[in-house]
Amino acid sequence: MMPSTTRPEWKKGAYRLLAVAFWLLAWQLTAMAVGHEFLLASPLQVFISFVRLLTLPSSYLAFLNSTLRVLVGFFTALCLALLLAAGASRSRLIHELVSPLVALARSVPVTSFVILAIILVSTRWLSALIAFVIAFPVIYSNVLEGLFAQDKALLEVAAVFRVTPFRKLIYITLPQLYSYLLSGAVTALGLSWKSGIAAEVIGIPRGSIGEKLYSAKVNYNTADLLAWTAFIVLLSLLTNKILKALFSRGREALTRL
C-alpha cells in the first residue's frame, strides 16, 4: 500500500529526520570501514571543512563567480528559448531550422561541448556557455509543447471577438503556458548547475567552484571535495526557490491585470 498523504506534518518531518540520520550513519560506518580520510571523509570531517571554507574570502568569490556565470547562461537560454518557441509555434520553417539544434544539444555529451568551447572561447565564461547549451533545449521543448497544447476553442473565440495580441497573450496564452514553462525552467536550472560546474572542473577558470573542486581532487582532499559539493547543492536549491518565487509573483501579477 502507498503511504497515506494525510499523515500529520510532524510525522512527515520525523520520517525525514530518520532518513537523514540513517544515511549519515551509513556514511559514517562506510568511512570507518574504509579507514582512510583521503579516500572517504566522515560526515564530521566534511562539516569541519564546510565551516572552515565559510571563513575564507576566496570561497565567497568562487560562489559569486560560478553563480553569476551559471545564471547568465540559464537566463540567456530562457529568453532565447521563449523567442524561438514562440516563432516555431507559428512558423514551420523556424520549427524545422531549430529542431536539429535542439536534437544536437540533447544528444552530444557535455564533455564534447566543453572541449570544443575551450578551443573557441575563454575558459572564464565556459560554464555560462555550457549552462546555456544544456538549458536551452529543455526550456524550448517545454514551451513549444505548451504552446501547441493551448485550448483551440479559446483561441477561436479570441479571434472572433478580435482580442488584441497583448490581451490574448496575458489572458489566454500565459496562464496555459505557466506550468510548462515553470517545469522546464526548474529542470533546466538544475541541469545548468550540474553542467556548468562540470565545465569549470574541466576548464579550471580561476576563482571558481570548479577550480576548488579540481584542487581538492588533485590533493585527495575528500573532505573539501564533499564540502564544496554541499555548497553546490545548497546554491542550486536556493536559486531554484528564488526562481519559483519569481514565477509565482509573475503569475500573481498577471491575475491582477
Protein backbone atom coordinates (compact mmCIF):
# COMPACT_ATOMS: atom_id res chain seq x y z
CA MET A 1 0.00 0.00 0.00
CA MET A 2 1.11 3.57 -0.73
CA PRO A 3 1.86 5.79 2.30
CA SER A 4 -1.04 7.99 3.37
CA THR A 5 -0.99 11.55 2.03
CA THR A 6 -2.90 12.75 5.10
CA ARG A 7 -0.07 11.95 7.54
CA PRO A 8 0.41 14.80 10.09
CA GLU A 9 3.19 17.26 9.32
CA TRP A 10 5.17 16.33 12.42
CA LYS A 11 5.25 12.71 11.31
CA LYS A 12 6.49 13.69 7.85
CA GLY A 13 9.24 15.74 9.47
CA ALA A 14 10.14 12.86 11.80
CA TYR A 15 10.43 10.44 8.87
CA ARG A 16 12.66 12.89 7.00
CA LEU A 17 14.93 13.25 10.03
CA LEU A 18 15.08 9.47 10.40
CA ALA A 19 16.01 9.12 6.73
CA VAL A 20 18.77 11.75 7.07
CA ALA A 21 20.06 10.10 10.26
CA PHE A 22 20.07 6.68 8.58
CA TRP A 23 22.15 7.85 5.62
CA LEU A 24 24.53 9.84 7.83
CA LEU A 25 25.07 6.72 9.92
CA ALA A 26 25.62 4.63 6.78
CA TRP A 27 28.12 7.25 5.55
CA GLN A 28 29.94 7.22 8.92
CA LEU A 29 30.14 3.43 9.01
CA THR A 30 31.40 3.31 5.43
CA ALA A 31 34.07 5.91 6.20
CA MET A 32 35.15 3.90 9.26
CA ALA A 33 35.30 0.72 7.17
CA VAL A 34 37.43 2.44 4.51
CA GLY A 35 39.69 3.81 7.24
CA HIS A 36 41.41 6.47 5.13
CA GLU A 37 40.27 10.10 5.19
CA PHE A 38 41.76 10.84 1.76
CA LEU A 39 39.56 8.11 0.25
CA LEU A 40 36.32 8.90 2.08
CA ALA A 41 35.94 11.62 4.72
CA SER A 42 33.46 11.17 7.56
CA PRO A 43 30.41 13.45 7.99
CA LEU A 44 32.15 15.28 10.86
CA GLN A 45 35.27 15.92 8.79
CA VAL A 46 33.14 17.26 5.92
CA PHE A 47 31.23 19.53 8.33
CA ILE A 48 34.51 20.91 9.72
CA SER A 49 35.72 21.59 6.16
CA PHE A 50 32.37 23.20 5.33
CA VAL A 51 32.66 25.62 8.27
CA ARG A 52 36.33 26.35 7.51
CA LEU A 53 35.54 27.20 3.89
CA LEU A 54 32.89 29.64 5.08
CA THR A 55 35.62 31.63 6.82
CA LEU A 56 37.71 32.06 3.66
CA PRO A 57 37.11 35.17 1.45
CA SER A 58 38.17 33.14 -1.61
CA SER A 59 35.17 30.85 -1.06
CA TYR A 60 32.71 33.73 -1.43
CA LEU A 61 34.48 34.90 -4.57
CA ALA A 62 34.12 31.40 -6.01
CA PHE A 63 30.42 31.34 -5.06
CA LEU A 64 29.84 34.69 -6.73
CA ASN A 65 31.77 33.92 -9.92
CA SER A 66 30.25 30.48 -10.51
CA THR A 67 26.71 31.56 -9.63
CA LEU A 68 26.91 34.58 -11.93
CA ARG A 69 28.16 32.51 -14.87
CA VAL A 70 25.63 29.71 -14.44
CA LEU A 71 22.73 32.17 -14.13
CA VAL A 72 23.89 34.18 -17.15
CA GLY A 73 23.85 31.01 -19.23
CA PHE A 74 20.48 29.93 -17.82
CA PHE A 75 18.65 33.24 -18.32
CA THR A 76 20.12 33.69 -21.80
CA ALA A 77 18.77 30.23 -22.66
CA LEU A 78 15.41 31.11 -21.11
CA CYS A 79 15.00 34.29 -23.16
CA LEU A 80 16.14 32.74 -26.45
CA ALA A 81 14.04 29.61 -25.90
CA LEU A 82 10.91 31.72 -25.34
CA LEU A 83 11.50 33.72 -28.51
CA LEU A 84 12.30 30.74 -30.73
CA ALA A 85 9.48 28.60 -29.31
CA ALA A 86 7.03 31.42 -30.00
CA GLY A 87 8.34 31.65 -33.56
CA ALA A 88 8.37 27.86 -34.07
CA SER A 89 4.74 27.59 -32.94
CA ARG A 90 3.75 29.95 -35.76
CA SER A 91 6.29 29.13 -38.47
CA ARG A 92 7.03 25.67 -39.81
CA LEU A 93 10.32 26.98 -41.23
CA ILE A 94 11.57 28.19 -37.84
CA HIS A 95 10.46 24.91 -36.27
CA GLU A 96 12.44 22.84 -38.79
CA LEU A 97 15.50 25.09 -38.50
CA VAL A 98 15.66 24.89 -34.70
CA SER A 99 14.82 21.19 -34.33
CA PRO A 100 18.28 19.86 -35.39
CA LEU A 101 19.99 22.22 -32.94
CA VAL A 102 17.76 21.03 -30.10
CA ALA A 103 18.38 17.38 -31.01
CA LEU A 104 22.13 18.03 -31.18
CA ALA A 105 22.21 19.77 -27.80
CA ARG A 106 20.28 16.87 -26.24
CA SER A 107 22.44 14.09 -27.66
CA VAL A 108 26.04 15.39 -27.70
CA PRO A 109 27.93 14.70 -24.42
CA VAL A 110 28.67 17.70 -22.21
CA THR A 111 32.39 16.85 -22.35
CA SER A 112 32.44 17.27 -26.13
CA PHE A 113 30.83 20.69 -25.86
CA VAL A 114 33.31 21.70 -23.14
CA ILE A 115 36.38 20.66 -25.14
CA LEU A 116 35.13 22.47 -28.24
CA ALA A 117 34.23 25.55 -26.18
CA ILE A 118 37.71 25.65 -24.60
CA ILE A 119 39.15 25.92 -28.11
CA LEU A 120 36.72 28.65 -29.21
CA VAL A 121 36.12 30.81 -26.12
CA SER A 122 37.82 31.91 -22.91
CA THR A 123 37.54 29.45 -20.03
CA ARG A 124 36.30 32.35 -17.87
CA TRP A 125 32.79 32.14 -19.35
CA LEU A 126 32.92 28.47 -20.24
CA SER A 127 30.36 27.49 -17.60
CA ALA A 128 27.91 30.13 -18.86
CA LEU A 129 28.15 28.77 -22.40
CA ILE A 130 27.69 25.16 -21.29
CA ALA A 131 24.78 26.09 -18.99
CA PHE A 132 23.15 27.81 -21.98
CA VAL A 133 23.67 24.82 -24.27
CA ILE A 134 22.19 22.40 -21.74
CA ALA A 135 19.30 24.60 -20.56
CA PHE A 136 18.08 25.81 -23.96
CA PRO A 137 16.64 22.55 -25.40
CA VAL A 138 14.83 21.73 -22.14
CA ILE A 139 13.08 25.10 -21.91
CA TYR A 140 12.44 25.32 -25.65
CA SER A 141 10.80 21.88 -25.82
CA ASN A 142 8.58 22.53 -22.80
CA VAL A 143 7.46 25.95 -24.00
CA LEU A 144 6.77 24.67 -27.51
CA GLU A 145 4.73 21.78 -26.10
CA GLY A 146 2.74 24.24 -24.01
CA LEU A 147 2.06 26.49 -27.00
CA PHE A 148 0.84 23.55 -29.09
CA ALA A 149 -1.35 22.37 -26.19
CA GLN A 150 -3.31 25.63 -25.94
CA ASP A 151 -7.09 25.41 -25.91
CA LYS A 152 -8.02 25.95 -29.58
CA ALA A 153 -11.58 26.90 -28.67
CA LEU A 154 -10.38 29.84 -26.57
CA LEU A 155 -8.11 30.99 -29.39
CA GLU A 156 -11.01 30.83 -31.84
CA VAL A 157 -13.22 32.84 -29.51
CA ALA A 158 -10.45 35.42 -29.16
CA ALA A 159 -10.17 35.63 -32.95
CA VAL A 160 -13.94 36.06 -33.36
CA PHE A 161 -14.04 38.91 -30.84
CA ARG A 162 -10.84 40.42 -32.24
CA VAL A 163 -8.96 40.30 -28.98
CA THR A 164 -5.67 42.19 -29.23
CA PRO A 165 -2.45 40.12 -29.31
CA PHE A 166 -1.39 41.59 -25.96
CA ARG A 167 -4.65 40.64 -24.22
CA LYS A 168 -4.57 37.19 -25.81
CA LEU A 169 -1.02 36.72 -24.50
CA ILE A 170 -1.90 37.88 -20.97
CA TYR A 171 -5.27 36.21 -20.51
CA ILE A 172 -5.06 33.07 -22.69
CA THR A 173 -1.52 32.04 -23.59
CA LEU A 174 0.48 32.76 -20.43
CA PRO A 175 -1.97 31.13 -17.95
CA GLN A 176 -1.99 27.93 -20.03
CA LEU A 177 1.77 28.07 -20.59
CA TYR A 178 2.69 28.66 -16.94
CA SER A 179 3.06 25.03 -15.79
CA TYR A 180 5.05 24.04 -18.89
CA LEU A 181 7.40 26.99 -18.55
CA LEU A 182 7.89 26.52 -14.80
CA SER A 183 8.60 22.80 -15.18
CA GLY A 184 11.09 23.38 -17.98
CA ALA A 185 12.82 26.27 -16.21
CA VAL A 186 13.22 24.39 -12.90
CA THR A 187 14.63 21.31 -14.65
CA ALA A 188 16.92 23.43 -16.83
CA LEU A 189 18.27 25.37 -13.84
CA GLY A 190 19.27 22.17 -12.06
CA LEU A 191 20.97 20.88 -15.20
CA SER A 192 22.69 24.25 -15.66
CA TRP A 193 24.32 23.94 -12.27
CA LYS A 194 25.48 20.37 -12.91
CA SER A 195 26.84 21.03 -16.40
CA GLY A 196 28.24 24.47 -15.56
CA ILE A 197 30.30 23.23 -12.61
CA ALA A 198 31.41 20.18 -14.63
CA ALA A 199 32.65 22.57 -17.31
CA GLU A 200 34.57 24.55 -14.68
CA VAL A 201 36.26 21.38 -13.43
CA ILE A 202 37.49 20.70 -16.96
CA GLY A 203 38.33 24.29 -17.94
CA ILE A 204 39.55 25.29 -14.44
CA PRO A 205 38.81 29.05 -14.61
CA ARG A 206 40.44 30.93 -11.75
CA GLY A 207 38.30 31.90 -8.77
CA SER A 208 35.52 29.37 -9.46
CA ILE A 209 33.93 26.46 -7.63
CA GLY A 210 35.20 24.17 -10.38
CA GLU A 211 38.76 25.22 -9.64
CA LYS A 212 38.22 24.46 -5.94
CA LEU A 213 36.81 21.02 -6.76
CA TYR A 214 39.73 20.27 -9.06
CA SER A 215 42.21 21.35 -6.39
CA ALA A 216 40.52 19.12 -3.79
CA LYS A 217 40.62 16.19 -6.20
CA VAL A 218 44.31 16.68 -7.06
CA ASN A 219 45.20 16.85 -3.36
CA TYR A 220 43.00 13.83 -2.48
CA ASN A 221 41.10 16.03 -0.01
CA THR A 222 37.71 14.33 0.00
CA ALA A 223 36.52 16.42 2.97
CA ASP A 224 36.89 19.63 0.94
CA LEU A 225 35.56 17.90 -2.16
CA LEU A 226 32.35 16.88 -0.39
CA ALA A 227 32.09 20.26 1.36
CA TRP A 228 32.23 22.07 -1.99
CA THR A 229 29.68 19.61 -3.35
CA ALA A 230 27.39 20.53 -0.45
CA PHE A 231 27.82 24.22 -1.36
CA ILE A 232 26.81 23.46 -4.95
CA VAL A 233 23.69 21.62 -3.79
CA LEU A 234 22.73 24.49 -1.47
CA LEU A 235 23.29 27.12 -4.16
CA SER A 236 21.23 25.08 -6.62
CA LEU A 237 18.38 24.71 -4.12
CA LEU A 238 18.50 28.42 -3.24
CA THR A 239 18.38 29.62 -6.85
CA ASN A 240 15.63 27.07 -7.53
CA LYS A 241 13.50 28.51 -4.74
CA ILE A 242 14.13 32.07 -5.93
CA LEU A 243 13.14 31.08 -9.47
CA LYS A 244 9.89 29.50 -8.26
CA ALA A 245 9.15 32.60 -6.16
CA LEU A 246 9.70 34.84 -9.20
CA PHE A 247 7.36 32.72 -11.31
CA SER A 248 4.76 32.77 -8.53
CA ARG A 249 4.99 36.55 -8.22
CA GLY A 250 4.69 36.87 -12.00
CA ARG A 251 1.57 34.70 -12.02
CA GLU A 252 0.00 36.76 -9.24
CA ALA A 253 0.80 39.97 -11.12
CA LEU A 254 -0.95 38.61 -14.23
CA THR A 255 -4.10 37.77 -12.27
CA ARG A 256 -4.29 41.39 -11.09
CA LEU A 257 -4.15 42.86 -14.60
